[in-house]
Protein backbone atom coordinates (compact mmCIF):
# COMPACT_ATOMS: atom_id res chain seq x y z
CA MET A 1 -20.83 -84.86 0.90
CA ARG A 2 -17.10 -85.99 1.26
CA ASP A 3 -15.06 -85.62 4.28
CA ALA A 4 -11.66 -84.22 3.93
CA VAL A 5 -8.69 -82.82 5.76
CA LEU A 6 -7.08 -79.44 4.54
CA GLY A 7 -3.48 -78.84 4.37
CA LEU A 8 -1.45 -75.62 4.40
CA ASP A 9 2.32 -74.64 3.94
CA THR A 10 3.53 -71.35 3.14
CA SER A 11 7.23 -72.06 3.05
CA ASN A 12 10.15 -69.60 1.56
CA TYR A 13 9.15 -70.76 -2.09
CA ARG A 14 5.66 -71.35 -2.27
CA THR A 15 1.98 -70.89 -1.12
CA SER A 16 0.35 -74.40 -0.84
CA LEU A 17 -3.04 -75.30 -0.29
CA ALA A 18 -4.07 -79.15 -0.14
CA ALA A 19 -7.04 -81.44 0.93
CA VAL A 20 -7.25 -85.33 1.09
CA ASP A 21 -10.11 -87.41 1.30
CA LEU A 22 -10.45 -90.25 4.13
CA GLU A 23 -8.96 -92.70 1.75
CA GLY A 24 -5.93 -90.12 1.08
CA ASN A 25 -6.93 -89.25 -2.07
CA ILE A 26 -6.07 -85.90 -3.43
CA LEU A 27 -8.90 -83.45 -3.93
CA LEU A 28 -6.94 -80.05 -3.94
CA ASN A 29 -3.28 -79.55 -4.65
CA GLN A 30 -3.01 -75.75 -5.50
CA ARG A 31 0.76 -74.32 -5.34
CA LYS A 32 1.84 -70.72 -6.42
CA LEU A 33 5.34 -69.84 -6.35
CA LEU A 34 6.28 -66.47 -4.54
CA PRO A 35 7.43 -64.13 -7.24
CA VAL A 36 10.91 -63.08 -7.10
CA THR A 37 12.75 -60.01 -8.78
CA LEU A 38 15.25 -61.47 -11.57
CA GLY A 39 18.90 -61.27 -10.14
CA GLU A 40 17.58 -61.60 -6.63
CA ARG A 41 18.38 -64.58 -4.84
CA GLY A 42 15.30 -64.66 -2.78
CA LEU A 43 12.84 -62.64 -0.32
CA ARG A 44 12.78 -60.94 2.77
CA GLN A 45 10.75 -62.48 5.20
CA SER A 46 8.36 -59.58 5.37
CA ASP A 47 7.93 -59.42 1.63
CA ALA A 48 7.15 -63.30 1.62
CA VAL A 49 4.70 -62.99 4.43
CA TYR A 50 2.82 -60.48 2.44
CA LEU A 51 2.83 -62.11 -0.89
CA HIS A 52 1.19 -65.44 0.89
CA LEU A 53 -1.35 -63.51 2.26
CA LYS A 54 -2.07 -61.94 -1.25
CA GLN A 55 -1.62 -65.15 -3.07
CA ILE A 56 -3.90 -67.17 -0.74
CA LYS A 57 -6.97 -64.89 -1.48
CA ASP A 58 -5.98 -65.14 -5.32
CA MET A 59 -6.30 -68.77 -4.86
CA GLU A 60 -9.68 -68.37 -2.98
CA PRO A 61 -12.13 -68.91 -6.10
CA HIS A 62 -10.03 -72.10 -7.34
CA VAL A 63 -10.08 -73.75 -3.78
CA ARG A 64 -13.66 -72.96 -3.56
CA ASP A 65 -14.64 -74.73 -6.83
CA ALA A 66 -12.01 -77.36 -6.02
CA LEU A 67 -13.90 -78.19 -2.38
CA SER A 68 -17.38 -78.04 -3.58
CA GLY A 69 -19.44 -80.78 -2.09
CA VAL A 70 -16.58 -81.48 0.61
CA ARG A 71 -16.88 -80.93 4.33
CA ILE A 72 -13.69 -79.90 6.24
CA ILE A 73 -13.14 -82.06 9.24
CA ALA A 74 -9.75 -81.00 10.16
CA ALA A 75 -6.88 -78.58 9.02
CA ALA A 76 -3.20 -79.08 9.30
CA ALA A 77 -0.68 -76.52 8.99
CA SER A 78 3.52 -76.55 8.71
CA ALA A 79 4.40 -74.06 11.49
CA ALA A 80 8.02 -74.51 11.32
CA PRO A 81 10.93 -75.68 8.66
CA ARG A 82 11.77 -78.65 10.90
CA ASN A 83 10.77 -80.23 14.18
CA ARG A 84 13.08 -78.42 16.10
CA GLU A 85 13.03 -75.73 19.11
CA ASP A 86 15.70 -73.64 16.93
CA SER A 87 13.54 -74.11 13.68
CA TYR A 88 11.33 -70.78 13.00
CA MET A 89 10.70 -68.79 9.87
CA PRO A 90 8.14 -65.98 9.84
CA VAL A 91 6.43 -67.22 6.66
CA PHE A 92 5.29 -70.39 8.36
CA GLU A 93 3.06 -68.23 10.51
CA VAL A 94 0.85 -67.21 7.48
CA GLY A 95 -0.31 -70.96 7.16
CA ASP A 96 -0.37 -71.91 10.92
CA THR A 97 -2.66 -68.86 11.97
CA LEU A 98 -4.98 -69.46 8.73
CA GLY A 99 -5.45 -73.14 9.65
CA ARG A 100 -5.87 -72.46 13.33
CA THR A 101 -8.31 -69.65 12.45
CA ILE A 102 -10.03 -72.24 9.97
CA ALA A 103 -10.24 -74.83 12.71
CA ALA A 104 -11.81 -72.66 15.65
CA THR A 105 -14.54 -70.96 13.21
CA MET A 106 -15.55 -74.32 12.22
CA GLU A 107 -14.71 -76.31 15.63
CA ILE A 108 -13.00 -78.88 14.16
CA PRO A 109 -9.51 -80.42 14.97
CA PHE A 110 -6.04 -78.43 14.12
CA ILE A 111 -3.29 -80.46 13.63
CA GLN A 112 0.29 -78.72 13.89
CA THR A 113 3.44 -80.20 12.19
CA ASP A 114 6.48 -79.12 10.26
CA HIS A 115 7.74 -78.44 6.59
CA GLN A 116 10.10 -81.06 6.53
CA GLN A 117 7.84 -83.83 7.89
CA GLY A 118 5.25 -82.73 5.01
CA HIS A 119 7.78 -83.20 2.56
CA LEU A 120 8.42 -86.77 3.65
CA TRP A 121 4.74 -87.81 3.71
CA ALA A 122 4.14 -86.27 0.36
CA ALA A 123 7.23 -87.86 -1.33
CA ARG A 124 6.60 -91.21 -0.15
CA ARG A 125 2.90 -91.36 -1.03
CA GLY A 126 1.95 -93.70 -3.81
CA THR A 127 5.76 -95.69 -3.44
CA ALA A 128 6.74 -98.86 -2.00
CA LEU A 129 7.68 -96.72 1.28
CA GLU A 130 4.13 -95.21 2.07
CA LYS A 131 3.59 -98.32 4.36
CA LYS A 132 6.98 -98.49 5.73
CA GLU A 133 7.98 -98.19 9.14
CA ALA A 134 11.32 -97.48 8.68
CA PHE A 135 13.64 -95.94 5.93
CA LEU A 136 16.57 -93.58 5.21
CA ALA A 137 15.81 -89.96 3.81
CA LEU A 138 17.48 -87.22 2.02
CA HIS A 139 15.51 -84.02 2.15
CA LEU A 140 17.08 -81.62 -0.48
CA SER A 141 15.88 -78.09 -1.03
CA GLY A 142 16.96 -74.44 -0.71
CA GLY A 143 16.58 -74.65 3.13
CA THR A 144 17.79 -78.21 3.89
CA THR A 145 20.24 -81.02 2.75
CA ASP A 146 19.53 -83.09 5.79
CA LEU A 147 20.27 -87.07 6.11
CA LEU A 148 17.05 -88.62 7.95
CA ALA A 149 16.30 -91.98 9.39
CA PHE A 150 12.26 -92.21 9.59
CA GLN A 151 11.14 -94.74 12.11
CA ALA A 152 7.70 -95.29 13.62
CA GLY A 153 6.73 -92.03 12.68
CA GLU A 154 9.78 -90.26 14.35
CA ILE A 155 12.59 -88.50 12.41
CA ALA A 156 15.86 -88.38 13.40
CA GLU A 157 18.74 -86.44 12.09
CA TRP A 158 22.17 -88.15 10.92
CA GLY A 159 23.79 -85.78 8.73
CA GLY A 160 23.62 -82.99 6.20
CA SER A 161 25.35 -79.66 4.92
CA LEU A 162 27.66 -78.00 7.01
CA ASP A 163 27.48 -74.77 5.15
CA LEU A 164 25.07 -74.18 2.06
CA HIS A 165 22.28 -76.59 0.98
CA ALA A 166 21.91 -78.30 -2.19
CA GLY A 167 19.02 -76.00 -3.43
CA GLN A 168 21.17 -73.08 -2.19
CA LEU A 169 23.89 -74.00 -4.49
CA ILE A 170 21.75 -74.42 -7.48
CA ASP A 171 20.06 -71.11 -6.84
CA ARG A 172 23.27 -69.14 -6.23
CA ILE A 173 25.17 -70.60 -9.34
CA GLY A 174 21.99 -70.14 -11.65
CA VAL A 175 21.20 -66.51 -10.43
CA ALA A 176 24.76 -65.62 -11.07
CA MET A 177 24.46 -66.78 -14.69
CA GLY A 178 21.03 -64.75 -15.27
CA LEU A 179 18.51 -67.34 -14.22
CA PRO A 180 15.41 -66.68 -12.41
CA PHE A 181 15.01 -67.50 -8.81
CA PRO A 182 14.36 -70.42 -7.89
CA ALA A 183 16.99 -71.51 -10.76
CA GLY A 184 16.56 -75.57 -10.51
CA PRO A 185 14.23 -75.81 -13.64
CA GLU A 186 16.36 -73.71 -15.97
CA MET A 187 19.67 -75.06 -14.55
CA GLU A 188 18.60 -78.31 -15.34
CA LYS A 189 17.82 -77.22 -18.83
CA LEU A 190 21.24 -75.92 -18.98
CA ALA A 191 22.96 -79.03 -17.65
CA GLY A 192 21.30 -80.87 -20.44
CA GLN A 193 23.43 -78.95 -23.01
CA GLY A 194 26.91 -79.31 -20.98
CA LYS A 195 29.77 -81.94 -20.18
CA ALA A 196 30.97 -82.59 -16.89
CA ALA A 197 34.52 -83.91 -15.98
CA GLY A 198 34.14 -83.82 -12.41
CA LEU A 199 35.92 -80.72 -11.73
CA LEU A 200 34.30 -79.95 -8.40
CA GLY A 201 35.79 -82.20 -5.64
CA CYS A 202 33.47 -83.42 -3.00
CA SER A 203 33.97 -82.21 0.43
CA MET A 204 32.91 -84.67 3.19
CA ALA A 205 33.10 -84.61 6.90
CA ASP A 206 31.95 -86.86 9.92
CA ARG A 207 32.71 -90.31 8.27
CA ASP A 208 30.55 -89.06 4.96
CA LEU A 209 27.49 -88.12 6.96
CA ARG A 210 28.07 -84.69 6.50
CA CYS A 211 29.02 -82.10 3.45
CA HIS A 212 30.27 -78.73 2.45
CA PHE A 213 29.46 -77.01 -0.86
CA SER A 214 30.63 -73.49 -0.11
CA GLY A 215 34.25 -74.41 -1.60
CA ALA A 216 32.04 -75.45 -4.78
CA GLU A 217 30.14 -72.43 -5.06
CA THR A 218 33.52 -70.29 -4.91
CA LYS A 219 34.91 -72.33 -7.69
CA ALA A 220 31.93 -72.29 -9.80
CA LEU A 221 31.42 -68.45 -9.41
CA SER A 222 34.93 -68.13 -10.36
CA TRP A 223 34.25 -70.01 -13.74
CA ILE A 224 31.51 -67.56 -14.49
CA ARG A 225 33.46 -64.73 -13.96
CA GLU A 226 36.12 -65.83 -15.84
CA GLY A 227 34.00 -66.99 -18.86
CA LYS A 228 36.07 -70.10 -19.94
CA MET A 229 33.39 -72.43 -19.42
CA THR A 230 30.13 -72.76 -20.86
CA PRO A 231 26.73 -72.07 -19.10
CA GLY A 232 26.05 -75.84 -19.76
CA ASP A 233 29.19 -77.17 -18.60
CA VAL A 234 29.05 -75.21 -15.31
CA ALA A 235 25.49 -76.28 -14.37
CA LEU A 236 25.81 -79.64 -15.29
CA GLU A 237 29.34 -79.60 -13.06
CA VAL A 238 27.10 -78.73 -10.24
CA TYR A 239 24.61 -81.43 -10.88
CA ASP A 240 27.46 -83.90 -10.72
CA LEU A 241 29.05 -82.67 -7.88
CA LEU A 242 25.32 -83.18 -6.09
CA ALA A 243 25.06 -86.37 -7.33
CA ARG A 244 28.68 -87.44 -6.08
CA THR A 245 27.90 -86.05 -2.75
CA VAL A 246 24.46 -87.44 -2.26
CA ALA A 247 25.65 -90.83 -3.11
CA ARG A 248 28.53 -90.63 -0.76
CA MET A 249 26.06 -89.35 2.24
CA LEU A 250 23.57 -92.08 1.49
CA ALA A 251 26.08 -94.81 1.43
CA ALA A 252 27.32 -93.62 4.87
CA GLY A 253 23.52 -93.28 6.18
CA MET A 254 23.07 -97.12 5.31
CA ARG A 255 26.25 -97.97 7.13
CA GLU A 256 25.51 -96.17 10.36
CA THR A 257 21.65 -97.05 10.51
CA GLY A 258 21.27 -100.30 8.68
CA LEU A 259 18.51 -98.70 6.97
CA ARG A 260 18.64 -100.24 2.96
CA ASP A 261 15.15 -98.47 2.11
CA VAL A 262 15.90 -94.69 0.87
CA LEU A 263 13.52 -91.72 -0.09
CA LEU A 264 14.91 -88.87 -1.73
CA CYS A 265 12.39 -85.54 -1.21
CA GLY A 266 12.77 -81.73 -1.50
CA GLY A 267 12.55 -79.48 -4.88
CA VAL A 268 16.07 -80.77 -5.91
CA ALA A 269 14.95 -84.39 -5.96
CA SER A 270 12.38 -83.50 -8.35
CA SER A 271 14.91 -82.71 -11.25
CA ALA A 272 14.88 -85.79 -13.80
CA LEU A 273 18.54 -85.03 -14.54
CA PHE A 274 19.28 -85.21 -10.96
CA ARG A 275 17.66 -88.50 -10.20
CA ARG A 276 19.01 -90.34 -13.06
CA MET A 277 22.71 -88.95 -11.82
CA VAL A 278 22.40 -90.38 -8.54
CA THR A 279 19.98 -93.55 -9.60
CA GLU A 280 23.34 -94.62 -11.76
CA ARG A 281 26.06 -93.90 -9.01
CA ILE A 282 23.67 -95.82 -6.64
CA ASN A 283 23.47 -98.80 -8.81
CA LYS A 284 27.15 -99.09 -9.87
CA ARG A 285 28.23 -98.54 -6.17
CA GLU A 286 25.55 -99.72 -3.61
CA ARG A 287 23.68 -102.71 -4.73
CA GLY A 288 22.20 -103.31 -1.45
CA MET A 289 20.57 -99.93 -1.31
CA ARG A 290 16.84 -99.47 -2.66
CA LEU A 291 16.37 -95.92 -3.79
CA CYS A 292 13.05 -94.21 -4.12
CA PHE A 293 11.82 -91.01 -5.46
CA GLY A 294 8.36 -89.81 -5.15
CA ASP A 295 6.17 -87.97 -7.62
CA PRO A 296 7.90 -84.88 -9.02
CA ALA A 297 4.88 -83.25 -8.40
CA LEU A 298 4.99 -83.70 -4.85
CA SER A 299 8.99 -83.60 -4.35
CA GLY A 300 8.67 -79.68 -4.14
CA ASP A 301 7.09 -77.64 -1.58
CA ASN A 302 3.46 -78.54 -1.67
CA ALA A 303 0.72 -78.89 1.14
CA VAL A 304 -0.20 -82.68 0.46
CA GLY A 305 2.08 -84.25 2.85
CA VAL A 306 0.84 -81.61 5.56
CA ALA A 307 -2.73 -82.76 4.72
CA LEU A 308 -2.02 -86.52 4.75
CA ILE A 309 -0.20 -86.15 8.30
CA GLY A 310 -3.17 -84.16 9.59
CA LEU A 311 -5.61 -87.13 8.47
CA ALA A 312 -3.08 -89.44 10.00
CA ALA A 313 -3.57 -87.73 13.21
CA TYR A 314 -7.47 -86.97 12.98
CA LYS A 315 -7.74 -90.92 12.36
CA ARG A 316 -5.72 -91.48 15.67
CA GLN A 317 -7.60 -89.16 17.68
CA ALA A 318 -11.07 -90.80 16.26
CA ALA A 319 -9.84 -94.15 17.19
CA ALA A 320 -8.88 -92.93 20.67
CA GLY A 321 -12.15 -91.06 20.98
CA THR A 322 -10.97 -87.51 21.55
C-alpha cells in the first residue's frame, strides 16, 4: 500500500484533484476546465460552484482507478485565491469543504492553503528553485499579476497590477476577437501569425513595481472595432506588451529585494511564446537575473502544488509528533 497526500483546488477556471506520494511523486493530476459559453468572459460564482460539484463527480472513476492501492494519509485544499484576509471567492469553498469532509471521515490531517501558494509550489517542482529558501516570483493569471518574494516559506507582495491582470487582458481581447474563454491558447496561436511594433506602451508606477493594463485594453479593443489590424498583429502586440511590462517589473523587484532567482508561474506563464519573449528581453537587459519557468503542465491552475504543500505540512507534523 502506497501512502499519499490528496490535494484539491477549485478555482475560477478549473476543477483540479491531485495526489503525491511521500517522495513528492505525482500519482494523480486530474484537471478539467470549467465550460464557458462562447462570447462570455467568465462564469458567475454560483454557476462555477455548481460546475465544480458536477465535474468532481465526473472525475470520480478516474480518480478511483489512479489511486487504486493508495492510502490517503492527509488531505489539503486551497480555500482562497491568496493568503490575505480580504481574499475570498465562493468557488474555493467546494474544494475546501470536500477536503475537510474527506479528512474528517478518514480521520486524517487536513491542511488548508491558498491558490497562489499552490501555483508557486507546483511551478518550482523539479526546477533549480525547488530547494531554494528565497526567490522572486511573478504570478500571472486571470486573477493575479502579483510580484512576490518567497522567503523561508513565507510570501510577501512587492508589486503587481493596479487594474486588469495579465490573464484578464488576454481573455478580454481574445473574446472580443471571437475566441473561446479562457483565450490564452488560441491567442497564442493567433500571435504566431502576427507582427508587433511595440504600439502598446508600458504603463508603470511605484518605481516599476506596479503596472496598468486597462489603457492597453482600450487601445486594443479600438483596433478590433476599426478592423485596421489583423487579429494576429493585435494578439502579438498584447504579448509584446506583457513581455516588456514583466521584464520591467522583475528588474524592479530584483533591485528592491536583492533576489536574483526568479520564478514565473500561473496560466499566462505556461505560454511558450510568452516565455520566449520574456527570456529574450531579460537576457539582453538583466544579465544578473536567473529566470526560471516551471513545467508548462504545472503552470496553469492545478492541485499538485496544494498536495505538495499538504505533504510538507504532514511531514512537519509527523516530525513534531503532532
